[in-house]
Amino acid sequence: MEIKNLEQILAKRAKIEQELFEISEEVNGDFSIDDIKKIIYNEENQDDLTKIIMMFDNGQNTDDMNVILGTINDAWNYFPHKFLGGISPAEKLLEYQLSRNKKSEKKALGIPKIPNIPKSICISVRYDKELQKITGKEEYSVTMSEGATFAYLLHNIFMEYPEIGKRYPPGTLKFSVYDIPPKLHTPLFDGSVVVFWV
């Protein structure tokens, strides 16, 4: 979604807060929305995102957890971060878009340098023959931020291939990281091999 103005960001942020409140009520969480905001604001690495995921993880099925992960991801992108000067990644993107629009065509366009950006890692994703019928791929590489978790990868796969979630109900889809069944908060590392099968 293209970010057009600050009002759009603030409206989205308010919607995310409401969604987080509703989800926290459903999971009987002993935390507040302010607790989540503080973690995001003071974040130092991807472990902080994992903390938030674990706050909501009470053994939901894959479909429910997918919805929760999407909302957490939105919160991470739309709530302020201290290391970004007290603004959100969405606001940082808006700043960049506005500055790019003002630049002369003669000037080189470059991505602004933001301190403390995590390094990228490369992960191999493999599918069995049944899942290959949906993905059309046996194996491919995914680039993610250092410290990314299995939950984040799983969310992205279901977003890219929603047919997997529709065709295989919770409990029928299996996965492993280095031949070990991962938890949602299992961290991924450069060179990790994630295998999916049914």
Protein backbone atom coordinates (compact mmCIF):
# COMPACT_ATOMS: atom_id res chain seq x y z
CA MET A 1 0.00 0.00 0.00
CA GLU A 2 1.33 3.43 -0.94
CA ILE A 3 1.61 5.84 1.96
CA LYS A 4 0.27 9.23 0.89
CA ASN A 5 0.20 11.36 4.03
CA LEU A 6 0.56 11.44 7.81
CA GLU A 7 -3.21 11.31 8.32
CA GLN A 8 -3.28 7.91 6.59
CA ILE A 9 -0.56 6.64 8.94
CA LEU A 10 -2.36 7.90 12.05
CA ALA A 11 -5.64 6.34 10.94
CA LYS A 12 -3.91 3.02 10.30
CA ARG A 13 -2.19 3.23 13.69
CA ALA A 14 -5.52 3.75 15.46
CA LYS A 15 -6.97 0.74 13.64
CA ILE A 16 -3.98 -1.41 14.66
CA GLU A 17 -4.38 -0.37 18.30
CA GLN A 18 -8.01 -1.48 18.22
CA GLU A 19 -7.09 -4.80 16.59
CA LEU A 20 -4.35 -5.42 19.18
CA PHE A 21 -6.80 -4.66 22.00
CA GLU A 22 -9.37 -7.10 20.60
CA ILE A 23 -6.76 -9.84 20.13
CA SER A 24 -5.34 -9.30 23.64
CA GLU A 25 -8.86 -9.75 25.02
CA GLU A 26 -9.25 -13.00 23.06
CA VAL A 27 -5.98 -14.45 24.35
CA ASN A 28 -6.59 -13.16 27.91
CA GLY A 29 -3.25 -11.36 27.78
CA ASP A 30 -1.91 -9.82 30.99
CA PHE A 31 -0.38 -6.92 29.06
CA SER A 32 -1.56 -3.60 27.72
CA ILE A 33 -1.24 -1.91 24.35
CA ASP A 34 1.20 0.49 26.02
CA ASP A 35 3.42 -2.50 26.90
CA ILE A 36 3.58 -3.40 23.21
CA LYS A 37 4.28 0.21 22.23
CA LYS A 38 7.15 0.40 24.74
CA ILE A 39 8.77 -2.77 23.40
CA ILE A 40 8.54 -1.46 19.84
CA TYR A 41 9.74 2.03 20.78
CA ASN A 42 12.78 0.74 22.68
CA GLU A 43 13.54 -2.18 20.34
CA GLU A 44 17.16 -3.11 19.87
CA ASN A 45 16.96 -6.19 17.67
CA GLN A 46 14.59 -8.82 16.23
CA ASP A 47 14.32 -10.49 19.65
CA ASP A 48 11.96 -7.70 20.66
CA LEU A 49 9.57 -8.66 17.85
CA THR A 50 9.76 -12.25 19.10
CA LYS A 51 8.79 -11.05 22.60
CA ILE A 52 5.60 -9.52 21.24
CA ILE A 53 4.74 -12.65 19.26
CA MET A 54 5.20 -14.79 22.38
CA MET A 55 2.85 -12.49 24.33
CA PHE A 56 0.04 -13.44 21.95
CA ASP A 57 0.98 -17.08 21.36
CA ASN A 58 -1.26 -19.34 23.43
CA GLY A 59 -1.43 -22.32 21.07
CA GLN A 60 -3.82 -20.92 18.46
CA ASN A 61 -4.30 -22.72 15.18
CA THR A 62 -2.30 -21.59 12.15
CA ASP A 63 -5.08 -19.46 10.67
CA ASP A 64 -5.63 -17.50 13.90
CA MET A 65 -1.90 -17.04 14.44
CA ASN A 66 -1.58 -15.79 10.87
CA VAL A 67 -4.04 -12.99 11.60
CA ILE A 68 -2.19 -12.12 14.81
CA LEU A 69 1.19 -12.07 13.05
CA GLY A 70 -0.20 -9.71 10.40
CA THR A 71 -1.39 -7.29 13.08
CA ILE A 72 1.92 -7.48 14.97
CA ASN A 73 3.79 -6.82 11.74
CA ASP A 74 1.61 -3.77 11.10
CA ALA A 75 2.22 -2.53 14.64
CA TRP A 76 5.97 -2.87 14.14
CA ASN A 77 5.77 -0.78 10.95
CA TYR A 78 3.31 1.87 12.15
CA PHE A 79 4.30 2.44 15.81
CA PRO A 80 7.22 4.77 16.68
CA HIS A 81 10.77 3.48 17.18
CA LYS A 82 13.32 5.35 19.28
CA PHE A 83 16.21 4.61 16.91
CA LEU A 84 14.26 6.23 14.07
CA GLY A 85 14.04 9.46 16.04
CA GLY A 86 10.67 8.68 17.58
CA ILE A 87 8.81 8.01 14.34
CA SER A 88 7.58 4.81 12.73
CA PRO A 89 9.05 2.99 9.71
CA ALA A 90 5.91 4.05 7.81
CA GLU A 91 6.64 7.71 8.61
CA LYS A 92 10.28 7.20 7.62
CA LEU A 93 9.10 5.80 4.30
CA LEU A 94 6.75 8.76 3.86
CA GLU A 95 9.64 11.16 4.54
CA TYR A 96 11.70 9.37 1.93
CA GLN A 97 8.89 9.44 -0.63
CA LEU A 98 8.32 13.17 -0.08
CA SER A 99 12.02 14.00 -0.28
CA ARG A 100 12.39 11.90 -3.41
CA ASN A 101 9.52 13.73 -5.06
CA LYS A 102 11.18 17.08 -4.32
CA LYS A 103 14.57 16.12 -5.70
CA SER A 104 15.62 17.25 -9.11
CA GLU A 105 15.88 14.55 -11.76
CA LYS A 106 19.53 15.52 -12.06
CA LYS A 107 20.26 14.39 -8.52
CA ALA A 108 20.93 10.74 -7.82
CA LEU A 109 18.23 8.99 -5.89
CA GLY A 110 19.35 6.74 -3.04
CA ILE A 111 17.83 4.97 -0.11
CA PRO A 112 18.42 7.01 3.04
CA LYS A 113 20.88 5.50 5.47
CA ILE A 114 19.22 4.44 8.70
CA PRO A 115 21.48 3.41 11.58
CA ASN A 116 21.19 0.01 13.24
CA ILE A 117 19.44 -1.68 10.32
CA PRO A 118 19.82 -5.46 10.83
CA LYS A 119 22.02 -7.37 8.41
CA SER A 120 20.31 -9.53 5.83
CA ILE A 121 20.39 -13.33 5.98
CA CYS A 122 19.64 -15.92 3.32
CA ILE A 123 17.34 -18.85 4.15
CA SER A 124 16.58 -21.91 2.01
CA VAL A 125 12.93 -23.01 1.86
CA ARG A 126 12.11 -26.51 0.60
CA TYR A 127 8.73 -28.11 -0.20
CA ASP A 128 7.71 -31.72 -0.64
CA LYS A 129 6.06 -32.91 -3.88
CA GLU A 130 2.52 -32.18 -2.65
CA LEU A 131 3.32 -28.59 -1.72
CA GLN A 132 5.26 -28.13 -4.95
CA LYS A 133 1.92 -28.51 -6.75
CA ILE A 134 0.91 -25.22 -5.09
CA THR A 135 4.20 -23.33 -5.01
CA GLY A 136 5.63 -24.58 -8.30
CA LYS A 137 9.00 -24.70 -6.56
CA GLU A 138 11.04 -27.39 -4.88
CA GLU A 139 13.51 -25.00 -3.24
CA TYR A 140 14.26 -21.30 -3.27
CA SER A 141 16.11 -18.70 -1.22
CA VAL A 142 14.50 -16.03 0.94
CA THR A 143 16.31 -12.91 2.14
CA MET A 144 15.26 -11.71 5.61
CA SER A 145 16.56 -9.47 8.36
CA GLU A 146 19.00 -10.93 10.85
CA GLY A 147 17.11 -12.24 13.87
CA ALA A 148 13.95 -13.06 11.92
CA THR A 149 11.79 -15.78 13.44
CA PHE A 150 10.06 -18.83 11.99
CA ALA A 151 6.71 -17.12 12.63
CA TYR A 152 7.64 -14.26 10.32
CA LEU A 153 8.72 -16.66 7.57
CA LEU A 154 5.55 -18.73 8.02
CA HIS A 155 3.39 -15.61 7.79
CA ASN A 156 5.09 -14.57 4.55
CA ILE A 157 4.67 -18.03 3.02
CA PHE A 158 0.95 -18.10 3.83
CA MET A 159 0.60 -14.59 2.38
CA GLU A 160 2.34 -15.67 -0.83
CA TYR A 161 0.60 -19.06 -1.07
CA PRO A 162 -2.80 -18.77 0.72
CA GLU A 163 -3.87 -22.03 -0.95
CA ILE A 164 -1.57 -23.92 1.44
CA GLY A 165 -3.57 -22.75 4.46
CA LYS A 166 -6.87 -23.45 2.72
CA ARG A 167 -5.98 -26.94 1.52
CA TYR A 168 -4.16 -28.15 4.62
CA PRO A 169 -5.90 -27.52 7.97
CA PRO A 170 -3.84 -26.99 11.15
CA GLY A 171 -1.99 -30.12 12.17
CA THR A 172 -1.55 -31.53 8.65
CA LEU A 173 1.27 -29.21 7.60
CA LYS A 174 4.65 -30.12 9.05
CA PHE A 175 7.91 -28.21 9.07
CA SER A 176 11.46 -28.39 10.36
CA VAL A 177 14.47 -26.13 10.76
CA TYR A 178 17.68 -28.16 10.64
CA ASP A 179 15.52 -31.30 11.03
CA ILE A 180 13.98 -30.01 14.29
CA PRO A 181 10.30 -28.94 14.57
CA PRO A 182 10.44 -25.17 15.22
CA LYS A 183 8.31 -23.04 17.51
CA LEU A 184 6.85 -19.77 16.27
CA HIS A 185 9.57 -17.80 18.05
CA THR A 186 12.44 -20.01 16.80
CA PRO A 187 15.08 -17.65 15.35
CA LEU A 188 16.41 -18.19 11.83
CA PHE A 189 20.02 -17.72 10.84
CA ASP A 190 21.98 -17.20 7.67
CA GLY A 191 22.03 -20.55 5.89
CA SER A 192 19.02 -21.97 7.75
CA VAL A 193 17.16 -24.69 5.83
CA VAL A 194 13.40 -24.74 6.43
CA VAL A 195 11.49 -27.78 5.09
CA PHE A 196 7.70 -27.95 4.65
CA TRP A 197 5.77 -31.18 3.96
CA VAL A 198 2.38 -32.84 4.47
